[in-house]
């Protein structure tokens, strides 16, 4: 099987899966008030497995293990110690790999480990100190690597302070690292940071997070309408492989709200615009499920045009 780098070099268009946490919600799994979907592997590994299977059957080439909100410094606020936190990351990776073996024996599907800037309960006072972030992300990255992940995606990189610590830890594993950045567009059209960093220019986040050694960079967990301007800002500073997987709907802790989620066909139309901008890997984040991924598989070519 060709490596991930070889597939990127050859111009393969890769389909990433959709939002795991929001799909768990859609299927009735209760989210934790501090750790959202971070601890679901504790009691509902079969629900995670079923969602991975549905995304693989829909055509995903990359599935992301349910480790997005599972860094030890996040799970600590849900009453989970470091040892169990690492074990939950290990279980989530094992579930992903087992599903690939069961559902995709005849094709190459990669498993990505997720590390993120998620803060417990979405409260600013749960942001880790620099020392805690280094230790927590280092522990999580080692588990993801030891569990056999094919790559690590640093997701929702939105600030110049904590996010780089996740990327640094991921790079130390020697695995391919993709950096997923989140942004918003201000009323005056300026591309800005996300959430609590909304007053920081996005360029500040890019300068802090586009570290030497990363394999790909992209825009994810950003509103669909804000993704093209954010991609343009990214392309001004990054010439390597690009990816995109926006969200649709909105979040009200601890649950995603699905009332305004884009239709699969409309999202496929939007994704073709990303492809025209040179984006090589496309999927969905919060709110986008297997039907959206199936629409991408049908609508997108297998290779970038020359």
C-alpha atoms as a PDB file:
ATOM      1  CA  UNK A   1       0.000   0.000   0.000  1.00  0.00           C
ATOM      2  CA  UNK A   2       1.337   3.504  -0.785  1.00  0.00           C
ATOM      3  CA  UNK A   3       2.209   5.689   2.176  1.00  0.00           C
ATOM      4  CA  UNK A   4       0.196   8.758   3.077  1.00  0.00           C
ATOM      5  CA  UNK A   5       2.972  10.977   1.697  1.00  0.00           C
ATOM      6  CA  UNK A   6       2.999   9.008  -1.554  1.00  0.00           C
ATOM      7  CA  UNK A   7      -0.766   9.407  -1.880  1.00  0.00           C
ATOM      8  CA  UNK A   8      -0.485  13.141  -1.355  1.00  0.00           C
ATOM      9  CA  UNK A   9       2.402  13.382  -3.820  1.00  0.00           C
ATOM     10  CA  UNK A  10       0.439  11.468  -6.455  1.00  0.00           C
ATOM     11  CA  UNK A  11      -2.525  13.846  -6.165  1.00  0.00           C
ATOM     12  CA  UNK A  12      -5.019  11.457  -4.609  1.00  0.00           C
ATOM     13  CA  UNK A  13      -8.141  13.181  -3.286  1.00  0.00           C
ATOM     14  CA  UNK A  14      -8.713  11.842   0.224  1.00  0.00           C
ATOM     15  CA  UNK A  15     -12.059  11.728   2.003  1.00  0.00           C
ATOM     16  CA  UNK A  16     -11.936  12.386   5.752  1.00  0.00           C
ATOM     17  CA  UNK A  17     -14.757  11.191   7.984  1.00  0.00           C
ATOM     18  CA  UNK A  18     -17.372  13.409   9.651  1.00  0.00           C
ATOM     19  CA  UNK A  19     -17.959  14.598  13.197  1.00  0.00           C
ATOM     20  CA  UNK A  20     -17.684  11.777  15.740  1.00  0.00           C
ATOM     21  CA  UNK A  21     -18.890  13.669  18.815  1.00  0.00           C
ATOM     22  CA  UNK A  22     -21.955  15.124  17.146  1.00  0.00           C
ATOM     23  CA  UNK A  23     -22.812  11.771  15.550  1.00  0.00           C
ATOM     24  CA  UNK A  24     -22.676  10.185  19.007  1.00  0.00           C
ATOM     25  CA  UNK A  25     -25.097  12.874  20.188  1.00  0.00           C
ATOM     26  CA  UNK A  26     -27.364  12.262  17.212  1.00  0.00           C
ATOM     27  CA  UNK A  27     -27.544   8.610  18.251  1.00  0.00           C
ATOM     28  CA  UNK A  28     -28.520   9.396  21.816  1.00  0.00           C
ATOM     29  CA  UNK A  29     -25.192   9.103  23.657  1.00  0.00           C
ATOM     30  CA  UNK A  30     -25.034  11.551  26.559  1.00  0.00           C
ATOM     31  CA  UNK A  31     -22.156  14.028  26.512  1.00  0.00           C
ATOM     32  CA  UNK A  32     -20.103  14.846  29.603  1.00  0.00           C
ATOM     33  CA  UNK A  33     -20.435  18.395  30.903  1.00  0.00           C
ATOM     34  CA  UNK A  34     -16.667  18.772  31.152  1.00  0.00           C
ATOM     35  CA  UNK A  35     -15.197  16.396  28.589  1.00  0.00           C
ATOM     36  CA  UNK A  36     -17.971  16.292  25.960  1.00  0.00           C
ATOM     37  CA  UNK A  37     -17.284  13.061  23.991  1.00  0.00           C
ATOM     38  CA  UNK A  38     -13.857  12.489  25.526  1.00  0.00           C
ATOM     39  CA  UNK A  39     -14.917   9.701  27.871  1.00  0.00           C
ATOM     40  CA  UNK A  40     -17.457   7.900  25.662  1.00  0.00           C
ATOM     41  CA  UNK A  41     -15.067   4.970  25.140  1.00  0.00           C
ATOM     42  CA  UNK A  42     -15.517   4.206  28.831  1.00  0.00           C
ATOM     43  CA  UNK A  43     -19.080   2.938  28.417  1.00  0.00           C
ATOM     44  CA  UNK A  44     -19.988   3.085  24.724  1.00  0.00           C
ATOM     45  CA  UNK A  45     -17.150   1.711  22.563  1.00  0.00           C
ATOM     46  CA  UNK A  46     -19.697  -0.078  20.381  1.00  0.00           C
ATOM     47  CA  UNK A  47     -21.369   3.225  19.502  1.00  0.00           C
ATOM     48  CA  UNK A  48     -17.984   4.598  18.415  1.00  0.00           C
ATOM     49  CA  UNK A  49     -17.367   1.439  16.403  1.00  0.00           C
ATOM     50  CA  UNK A  50     -20.728   1.727  14.621  1.00  0.00           C
ATOM     51  CA  UNK A  51     -20.027   5.324  13.627  1.00  0.00           C
ATOM     52  CA  UNK A  52     -16.556   4.490  12.306  1.00  0.00           C
ATOM     53  CA  UNK A  53     -18.159   1.690  10.290  1.00  0.00           C
ATOM     54  CA  UNK A  54     -20.747   4.024   8.828  1.00  0.00           C
ATOM     55  CA  UNK A  55     -18.098   6.564   7.816  1.00  0.00           C
ATOM     56  CA  UNK A  56     -15.951   3.858   6.230  1.00  0.00           C
ATOM     57  CA  UNK A  57     -18.953   2.468   4.353  1.00  0.00           C
ATOM     58  CA  UNK A  58     -19.715   6.027   3.194  1.00  0.00           C
ATOM     59  CA  UNK A  59     -16.271   6.210   1.584  1.00  0.00           C
ATOM     60  CA  UNK A  60     -13.904   7.741   4.139  1.00  0.00           C
ATOM     61  CA  UNK A  61     -10.190   7.203   3.477  1.00  0.00           C
ATOM     62  CA  UNK A  62      -9.222   8.613   6.884  1.00  0.00           C
ATOM     63  CA  UNK A  63     -11.128   8.038  10.109  1.00  0.00           C
ATOM     64  CA  UNK A  64     -10.303   9.982  13.260  1.00  0.00           C
ATOM     65  CA  UNK A  65     -10.204   8.166  16.592  1.00  0.00           C
ATOM     66  CA  UNK A  66     -12.411   9.543  19.351  1.00  0.00           C
ATOM     67  CA  UNK A  67      -9.545  11.267  21.194  1.00  0.00           C
ATOM     68  CA  UNK A  68     -10.394  14.902  20.388  1.00  0.00           C
ATOM     69  CA  UNK A  69     -11.483  15.807  23.943  1.00  0.00           C
ATOM     70  CA  UNK A  70      -9.483  13.089  25.687  1.00  0.00           C
ATOM     71  CA  UNK A  71      -6.211  14.771  26.648  1.00  0.00           C
ATOM     72  CA  UNK A  72      -5.406  14.081  30.308  1.00  0.00           C
ATOM     73  CA  UNK A  73      -5.750  17.751  31.267  1.00  0.00           C
ATOM     74  CA  UNK A  74      -9.319  17.726  29.898  1.00  0.00           C
ATOM     75  CA  UNK A  75     -10.401  14.411  31.396  1.00  0.00           C
ATOM     76  CA  UNK A  76      -9.054  15.494  34.787  1.00  0.00           C
ATOM     77  CA  UNK A  77     -12.019  17.863  35.029  1.00  0.00           C
ATOM     78  CA  UNK A  78     -14.340  14.895  34.442  1.00  0.00           C
ATOM     79  CA  UNK A  79     -12.830  13.076  37.428  1.00  0.00           C
ATOM     80  CA  UNK A  80     -10.568  10.857  35.325  1.00  0.00           C
ATOM     81  CA  UNK A  81      -6.923  10.422  36.303  1.00  0.00           C
ATOM     82  CA  UNK A  82      -3.961  10.339  33.937  1.00  0.00           C
ATOM     83  CA  UNK A  83      -3.646   6.555  33.817  1.00  0.00           C
ATOM     84  CA  UNK A  84      -7.302   6.041  32.904  1.00  0.00           C
ATOM     85  CA  UNK A  85      -7.175   8.978  30.485  1.00  0.00           C
ATOM     86  CA  UNK A  86      -4.315   7.350  28.609  1.00  0.00           C
ATOM     87  CA  UNK A  87      -6.191   4.050  28.608  1.00  0.00           C
ATOM     88  CA  UNK A  88      -9.301   5.690  27.148  1.00  0.00           C
ATOM     89  CA  UNK A  89      -7.160   7.112  24.329  1.00  0.00           C
ATOM     90  CA  UNK A  90      -5.740   3.629  23.779  1.00  0.00           C
ATOM     91  CA  UNK A  91      -9.205   2.066  23.677  1.00  0.00           C
ATOM     92  CA  UNK A  92     -10.497   4.645  21.190  1.00  0.00           C
ATOM     93  CA  UNK A  93      -7.561   3.980  18.876  1.00  0.00           C
ATOM     94  CA  UNK A  94      -8.043   0.213  19.174  1.00  0.00           C
ATOM     95  CA  UNK A  95     -11.724   0.549  18.272  1.00  0.00           C
ATOM     96  CA  UNK A  96     -10.817   2.570  15.186  1.00  0.00           C
ATOM     97  CA  UNK A  97      -8.194   0.063  14.030  1.00  0.00           C
ATOM     98  CA  UNK A  98     -10.470  -2.901  14.664  1.00  0.00           C
ATOM     99  CA  UNK A  99     -13.225  -1.280  12.623  1.00  0.00           C
ATOM    100  CA  UNK A 100     -10.853  -0.650   9.725  1.00  0.00           C
ATOM    101  CA  UNK A 101      -9.780  -4.303   9.752  1.00  0.00           C
ATOM    102  CA  UNK A 102     -13.417  -5.426   9.773  1.00  0.00           C
ATOM    103  CA  UNK A 103     -14.863  -2.913   7.317  1.00  0.00           C
ATOM    104  CA  UNK A 104     -12.069  -2.070   4.898  1.00  0.00           C
ATOM    105  CA  UNK A 105     -10.069  -5.215   4.286  1.00  0.00           C
ATOM    106  CA  UNK A 106     -10.031  -4.532   0.556  1.00  0.00           C
ATOM    107  CA  UNK A 107      -8.856  -0.898   0.621  1.00  0.00           C
ATOM    108  CA  UNK A 108      -6.548   1.448   2.485  1.00  0.00           C
ATOM    109  CA  UNK A 109      -8.236   3.374   5.289  1.00  0.00           C
ATOM    110  CA  UNK A 110      -5.976   5.302   7.646  1.00  0.00           C
ATOM    111  CA  UNK A 111      -6.534   5.950  11.351  1.00  0.00           C
ATOM    112  CA  UNK A 112      -5.728   9.434  12.647  1.00  0.00           C
ATOM    113  CA  UNK A 113      -5.300  10.224  16.286  1.00  0.00           C
ATOM    114  CA  UNK A 114      -6.788  13.554  17.348  1.00  0.00           C
ATOM    115  CA  UNK A 115      -5.229  16.112  19.675  1.00  0.00           C
ATOM    116  CA  UNK A 116      -7.033  19.379  20.219  1.00  0.00           C
ATOM    117  CA  UNK A 117      -7.262  22.695  21.993  1.00  0.00           C
ATOM    118  CA  UNK A 118     -10.556  21.618  23.608  1.00  0.00           C
ATOM    119  CA  UNK A 119     -10.865  23.018  27.103  1.00  0.00           C
ATOM    120  CA  UNK A 120     -12.968  21.288  29.748  1.00  0.00           C
ATOM    121  CA  UNK A 121     -16.507  22.601  29.873  1.00  0.00           C
ATOM    122  CA  UNK A 122     -15.452  25.327  27.413  1.00  0.00           C
ATOM    123  CA  UNK A 123     -14.421  27.406  30.434  1.00  0.00           C
ATOM    124  CA  UNK A 124     -11.388  29.661  30.188  1.00  0.00           C
ATOM    125  CA  UNK A 125     -10.333  28.711  33.705  1.00  0.00           C
ATOM    126  CA  UNK A 126      -9.786  25.109  32.586  1.00  0.00           C
ATOM    127  CA  UNK A 127      -7.084  26.048  30.088  1.00  0.00           C
ATOM    128  CA  UNK A 128      -3.894  24.226  31.097  1.00  0.00           C
ATOM    129  CA  UNK A 129      -0.751  26.000  32.162  1.00  0.00           C
ATOM    130  CA  UNK A 130       2.179  25.719  29.783  1.00  0.00           C
ATOM    131  CA  UNK A 131       3.756  23.051  31.965  1.00  0.00           C
ATOM    132  CA  UNK A 132       0.517  21.050  32.200  1.00  0.00           C
ATOM    133  CA  UNK A 133      -0.085  21.346  28.449  1.00  0.00           C
ATOM    134  CA  UNK A 134       3.379  20.024  27.608  1.00  0.00           C
ATOM    135  CA  UNK A 135       2.997  17.053  29.967  1.00  0.00           C
ATOM    136  CA  UNK A 136      -0.593  16.262  28.977  1.00  0.00           C
ATOM    137  CA  UNK A 137      -0.130  16.511  25.235  1.00  0.00           C
ATOM    138  CA  UNK A 138       3.146  14.621  25.460  1.00  0.00           C
ATOM    139  CA  UNK A 139       1.424  11.739  27.229  1.00  0.00           C
ATOM    140  CA  UNK A 140      -1.479  11.708  24.769  1.00  0.00           C
ATOM    141  CA  UNK A 141       0.788  11.842  21.721  1.00  0.00           C
ATOM    142  CA  UNK A 142       2.847   8.897  22.943  1.00  0.00           C
ATOM    143  CA  UNK A 143      -0.305   6.826  23.465  1.00  0.00           C
ATOM    144  CA  UNK A 144      -1.595   7.651  19.974  1.00  0.00           C
ATOM    145  CA  UNK A 145       1.733   6.665  18.438  1.00  0.00           C
ATOM    146  CA  UNK A 146       2.046   3.490  20.501  1.00  0.00           C
ATOM    147  CA  UNK A 147      -1.537   2.563  19.575  1.00  0.00           C
ATOM    148  CA  UNK A 148      -0.571   2.469  15.903  1.00  0.00           C
ATOM    149  CA  UNK A 149      -2.154   5.630  14.523  1.00  0.00           C
ATOM    150  CA  UNK A 150      -1.089   6.374  10.959  1.00  0.00           C
ATOM    151  CA  UNK A 151      -1.048  10.117  11.552  1.00  0.00           C
ATOM    152  CA  UNK A 152      -1.998  12.707  14.149  1.00  0.00           C
ATOM    153  CA  UNK A 153      -4.325  15.595  13.377  1.00  0.00           C
ATOM    154  CA  UNK A 154      -3.952  18.579  15.689  1.00  0.00           C
ATOM    155  CA  UNK A 155      -7.547  19.793  15.624  1.00  0.00           C
ATOM    156  CA  UNK A 156      -9.108  23.186  16.369  1.00  0.00           C
ATOM    157  CA  UNK A 157      -5.771  24.940  16.573  1.00  0.00           C
ATOM    158  CA  UNK A 158      -7.042  28.420  17.374  1.00  0.00           C
ATOM    159  CA  UNK A 159      -4.520  30.243  19.521  1.00  0.00           C
ATOM    160  CA  UNK A 160      -0.802  31.074  19.587  1.00  0.00           C
ATOM    161  CA  UNK A 161      -0.247  29.829  23.167  1.00  0.00           C
ATOM    162  CA  UNK A 162      -1.665  26.368  23.929  1.00  0.00           C
ATOM    163  CA  UNK A 163      -2.224  25.000  20.402  1.00  0.00           C
ATOM    164  CA  UNK A 164       1.490  24.912  19.499  1.00  0.00           C
ATOM    165  CA  UNK A 165       2.092  22.633  22.488  1.00  0.00           C
ATOM    166  CA  UNK A 166      -0.196  19.992  20.971  1.00  0.00           C
ATOM    167  CA  UNK A 167       1.554  20.283  17.609  1.00  0.00           C
ATOM    168  CA  UNK A 168       4.999  20.048  19.173  1.00  0.00           C
ATOM    169  CA  UNK A 169       4.024  16.905  21.063  1.00  0.00           C
ATOM    170  CA  UNK A 170       2.573  15.351  17.919  1.00  0.00           C
ATOM    171  CA  UNK A 171       5.732  16.097  15.932  1.00  0.00           C
ATOM    172  CA  UNK A 172       7.887  14.448  18.579  1.00  0.00           C
ATOM    173  CA  UNK A 173       6.255  11.090  17.778  1.00  0.00           C
ATOM    174  CA  UNK A 174       7.700  11.046  14.263  1.00  0.00           C
ATOM    175  CA  UNK A 175       4.240  10.372  12.784  1.00  0.00           C
ATOM    176  CA  UNK A 176       2.858  12.514   9.961  1.00  0.00           C
ATOM    177  CA  UNK A 177       1.186  15.555  11.546  1.00  0.00           C
ATOM    178  CA  UNK A 178      -1.675  17.523  10.039  1.00  0.00           C
ATOM    179  CA  UNK A 179      -2.554  20.880  11.584  1.00  0.00           C
ATOM    180  CA  UNK A 180      -6.267  21.762  11.532  1.00  0.00           C
ATOM    181  CA  UNK A 181      -6.822  25.458  12.177  1.00  0.00           C
ATOM    182  CA  UNK A 182     -10.076  27.155  13.183  1.00  0.00           C
ATOM    183  CA  UNK A 183     -11.030  30.714  12.255  1.00  0.00           C
ATOM    184  CA  UNK A 184     -13.892  33.129  11.858  1.00  0.00           C
ATOM    185  CA  UNK A 185     -14.510  36.109   9.587  1.00  0.00           C
ATOM    186  CA  UNK A 186     -15.255  39.479  11.179  1.00  0.00           C
ATOM    187  CA  UNK A 187     -17.904  41.858   9.861  1.00  0.00           C
ATOM    188  CA  UNK A 188     -15.224  43.848   8.050  1.00  0.00           C
ATOM    189  CA  UNK A 189     -14.021  40.703   6.255  1.00  0.00           C
ATOM    190  CA  UNK A 190     -10.874  40.195   8.318  1.00  0.00           C
ATOM    191  CA  UNK A 191     -10.003  36.587   9.123  1.00  0.00           C
ATOM    192  CA  UNK A 192      -9.666  36.294  12.876  1.00  0.00           C
ATOM    193  CA  UNK A 193      -9.019  33.733  15.577  1.00  0.00           C
ATOM    194  CA  UNK A 194     -11.768  31.521  16.916  1.00  0.00           C
ATOM    195  CA  UNK A 195     -13.798  31.585  20.153  1.00  0.00           C
ATOM    196  CA  UNK A 196     -11.945  33.248  23.021  1.00  0.00           C
ATOM    197  CA  UNK A 197      -9.165  34.324  20.632  1.00  0.00           C
ATOM    198  CA  UNK A 198     -11.577  36.122  18.331  1.00  0.00           C
ATOM    199  CA  UNK A 199      -9.661  39.388  18.648  1.00  0.00           C
ATOM    200  CA  UNK A 200      -6.402  37.832  17.478  1.00  0.00           C
ATOM    201  CA  UNK A 201      -5.684  38.106  13.746  1.00  0.00           C
ATOM    202  CA  UNK A 202      -5.638  34.650  12.166  1.00  0.00           C
ATOM    203  CA  UNK A 203      -2.138  35.389  10.869  1.00  0.00           C
ATOM    204  CA  UNK A 204      -0.951  35.338  14.490  1.00  0.00           C
ATOM    205  CA  UNK A 205      -2.338  31.824  14.914  1.00  0.00           C
ATOM    206  CA  UNK A 206      -0.830  30.694  11.611  1.00  0.00           C
ATOM    207  CA  UNK A 207       2.606  32.024  12.534  1.00  0.00           C
ATOM    208  CA  UNK A 208       2.504  30.103  15.827  1.00  0.00           C
ATOM    209  CA  UNK A 209       1.095  26.841  14.482  1.00  0.00           C
ATOM    210  CA  UNK A 210       2.670  26.262  11.068  1.00  0.00           C
ATOM    211  CA  UNK A 211       5.697  24.583  12.591  1.00  0.00           C
ATOM    212  CA  UNK A 212       8.513  22.967  10.607  1.00  0.00           C
ATOM    213  CA  UNK A 213       7.908  19.287   9.971  1.00  0.00           C
ATOM    214  CA  UNK A 214       4.128  19.214   9.565  1.00  0.00           C
ATOM    215  CA  UNK A 215       2.834  17.309   6.551  1.00  0.00           C
ATOM    216  CA  UNK A 216      -0.422  19.135   5.807  1.00  0.00           C
ATOM    217  CA  UNK A 217      -2.424  22.102   7.048  1.00  0.00           C
ATOM    218  CA  UNK A 218      -6.098  22.908   6.735  1.00  0.00           C
ATOM    219  CA  UNK A 219      -9.196  24.677   7.963  1.00  0.00           C
ATOM    220  CA  UNK A 220     -11.544  22.662  10.138  1.00  0.00           C
ATOM    221  CA  UNK A 221     -14.162  23.230  12.840  1.00  0.00           C
ATOM    222  CA  UNK A 222     -14.953  26.573  11.227  1.00  0.00           C
ATOM    223  CA  UNK A 223     -18.249  27.719   9.766  1.00  0.00           C
ATOM    224  CA  UNK A 224     -18.752  26.657   6.140  1.00  0.00           C
ATOM    225  CA  UNK A 225     -19.121  30.285   5.024  1.00  0.00           C
ATOM    226  CA  UNK A 226     -15.904  31.242   6.798  1.00  0.00           C
ATOM    227  CA  UNK A 227     -13.816  28.384   5.438  1.00  0.00           C
ATOM    228  CA  UNK A 228     -12.922  29.838   1.985  1.00  0.00           C
ATOM    229  CA  UNK A 229     -11.511  33.131   3.379  1.00  0.00           C
ATOM    230  CA  UNK A 230      -9.631  31.188   6.035  1.00  0.00           C
ATOM    231  CA  UNK A 231      -8.199  28.880   3.358  1.00  0.00           C
ATOM    232  CA  UNK A 232      -7.040  31.909   1.403  1.00  0.00           C
ATOM    233  CA  UNK A 233      -5.269  33.240   4.487  1.00  0.00           C
ATOM    234  CA  UNK A 234      -3.678  29.850   5.059  1.00  0.00           C
ATOM    235  CA  UNK A 235      -2.515  29.556   1.439  1.00  0.00           C
ATOM    236  CA  UNK A 236      -0.728  32.883   1.771  1.00  0.00           C
ATOM    237  CA  UNK A 237       1.560  31.283   4.371  1.00  0.00           C
ATOM    238  CA  UNK A 238       1.515  27.564   3.505  1.00  0.00           C
ATOM    239  CA  UNK A 239       2.408  25.906   0.201  1.00  0.00           C
ATOM    240  CA  UNK A 240       2.070  22.246   1.232  1.00  0.00           C
ATOM    241  CA  UNK A 241      -0.933  19.888   1.056  1.00  0.00           C
ATOM    242  CA  UNK A 242      -4.255  21.389   2.135  1.00  0.00           C
ATOM    243  CA  UNK A 243      -7.316  19.892   3.784  1.00  0.00           C
ATOM    244  CA  UNK A 244     -10.717  21.178   4.875  1.00  0.00           C
ATOM    245  CA  UNK A 245     -13.545  19.897   7.038  1.00  0.00           C
ATOM    246  CA  UNK A 246     -15.867  22.606   8.359  1.00  0.00           C
ATOM    247  CA  UNK A 247     -18.730  22.301  10.802  1.00  0.00           C
ATOM    248  CA  UNK A 248     -22.415  23.048  10.306  1.00  0.00           C
ATOM    249  CA  UNK A 249     -24.868  23.951  13.052  1.00  0.00           C
ATOM    250  CA  UNK A 250     -23.783  25.374  16.403  1.00  0.00           C
ATOM    251  CA  UNK A 251     -22.724  24.280  19.872  1.00  0.00           C
ATOM    252  CA  UNK A 252     -24.439  24.864  23.183  1.00  0.00           C
ATOM    253  CA  UNK A 253     -22.512  23.009  25.887  1.00  0.00           C
ATOM    254  CA  UNK A 254     -22.686  20.088  26.189  1.00  0.00           C
ATOM    255  CA  UNK A 255     -24.629  19.422  22.972  1.00  0.00           C
ATOM    256  CA  UNK A 256     -24.445  20.274  19.288  1.00  0.00           C
ATOM    257  CA  UNK A 257     -27.523  21.909  17.743  1.00  0.00           C
ATOM    258  CA  UNK A 258     -28.528  20.376  14.395  1.00  0.00           C
ATOM    259  CA  UNK A 259     -31.328  22.719  13.326  1.00  0.00           C
ATOM    260  CA  UNK A 260     -29.263  24.543  10.673  1.00  0.00           C
ATOM    261  CA  UNK A 261     -27.003  21.770   9.340  1.00  0.00           C
ATOM    262  CA  UNK A 262     -26.315  21.991   5.592  1.00  0.00           C
ATOM    263  CA  UNK A 263     -27.740  19.252   3.344  1.00  0.00           C
ATOM    264  CA  UNK A 264     -25.354  16.596   1.979  1.00  0.00           C
ATOM    265  CA  UNK A 265     -25.842  17.726  -1.633  1.00  0.00           C
ATOM    266  CA  UNK A 266     -25.251  21.372  -0.795  1.00  0.00           C
ATOM    267  CA  UNK A 267     -22.134  20.460   1.133  1.00  0.00           C
ATOM    268  CA  UNK A 268     -20.805  18.436  -1.808  1.00  0.00           C
ATOM    269  CA  UNK A 269     -21.235  21.533  -3.975  1.00  0.00           C
ATOM    270  CA  UNK A 270     -19.280  23.566  -1.430  1.00  0.00           C
ATOM    271  CA  UNK A 271     -16.566  20.905  -1.277  1.00  0.00           C
ATOM    272  CA  UNK A 272     -16.013  21.113  -5.017  1.00  0.00           C
ATOM    273  CA  UNK A 273     -15.103  24.777  -4.474  1.00  0.00           C
ATOM    274  CA  UNK A 274     -12.473  23.735  -1.916  1.00  0.00           C
ATOM    275  CA  UNK A 275     -11.078  21.294  -4.440  1.00  0.00           C
ATOM    276  CA  UNK A 276     -10.790  24.080  -7.009  1.00  0.00           C
ATOM    277  CA  UNK A 277      -8.650  25.980  -4.482  1.00  0.00           C
ATOM    278  CA  UNK A 278      -6.200  23.081  -4.265  1.00  0.00           C
ATOM    279  CA  UNK A 279      -7.589  21.322  -1.197  1.00  0.00           C
ATOM    280  CA  UNK A 280      -6.691  17.647  -1.409  1.00  0.00           C
ATOM    281  CA  UNK A 281      -8.419  16.094   1.614  1.00  0.00           C
ATOM    282  CA  UNK A 282     -12.016  16.963   2.503  1.00  0.00           C
ATOM    283  CA  UNK A 283     -14.409  15.751   5.168  1.00  0.00           C
ATOM    284  CA  UNK A 284     -16.789  17.046   7.786  1.00  0.00           C
ATOM    285  CA  UNK A 285     -16.557  18.250  11.361  1.00  0.00           C
ATOM    286  CA  UNK A 286     -19.344  18.808  13.898  1.00  0.00           C
ATOM    287  CA  UNK A 287     -22.846  18.339  12.532  1.00  0.00           C
ATOM    288  CA  UNK A 288     -21.775  16.530   9.354  1.00  0.00           C
ATOM    289  CA  UNK A 289     -22.502  12.804   9.320  1.00  0.00           C
ATOM    290  CA  UNK A 290     -22.202   9.714   7.100  1.00  0.00           C
ATOM    291  CA  UNK A 291     -24.665  11.060   4.519  1.00  0.00           C
ATOM    292  CA  UNK A 292     -22.417  14.091   3.991  1.00  0.00           C
ATOM    293  CA  UNK A 293     -19.366  11.867   3.572  1.00  0.00           C
ATOM    294  CA  UNK A 294     -21.212   9.636   1.094  1.00  0.00           C
ATOM    295  CA  UNK A 295     -22.123  12.756  -0.915  1.00  0.00           C
ATOM    296  CA  UNK A 296     -18.462  13.773  -1.001  1.00  0.00           C
ATOM    297  CA  UNK A 297     -17.430  10.327  -2.198  1.00  0.00           C
ATOM    298  CA  UNK A 298     -19.914  10.565  -5.066  1.00  0.00           C
ATOM    299  CA  UNK A 299     -19.192  14.170  -6.024  1.00  0.00           C
ATOM    300  CA  UNK A 300     -15.414  14.422  -5.768  1.00  0.00           C
ATOM    301  CA  UNK A 301     -12.863  12.987  -8.218  1.00  0.00           C
ATOM    302  CA  UNK A 302     -10.305  10.425  -7.122  1.00  0.00           C
ATOM    303  CA  UNK A 303      -7.394  12.629  -8.155  1.00  0.00           C
ATOM    304  CA  UNK A 304      -6.603  16.330  -8.357  1.00  0.00           C
ATOM    305  CA  UNK A 305      -6.690  17.688 -11.888  1.00  0.00           C
ATOM    306  CA  UNK A 306      -3.395  18.954 -13.289  1.00  0.00           C
END
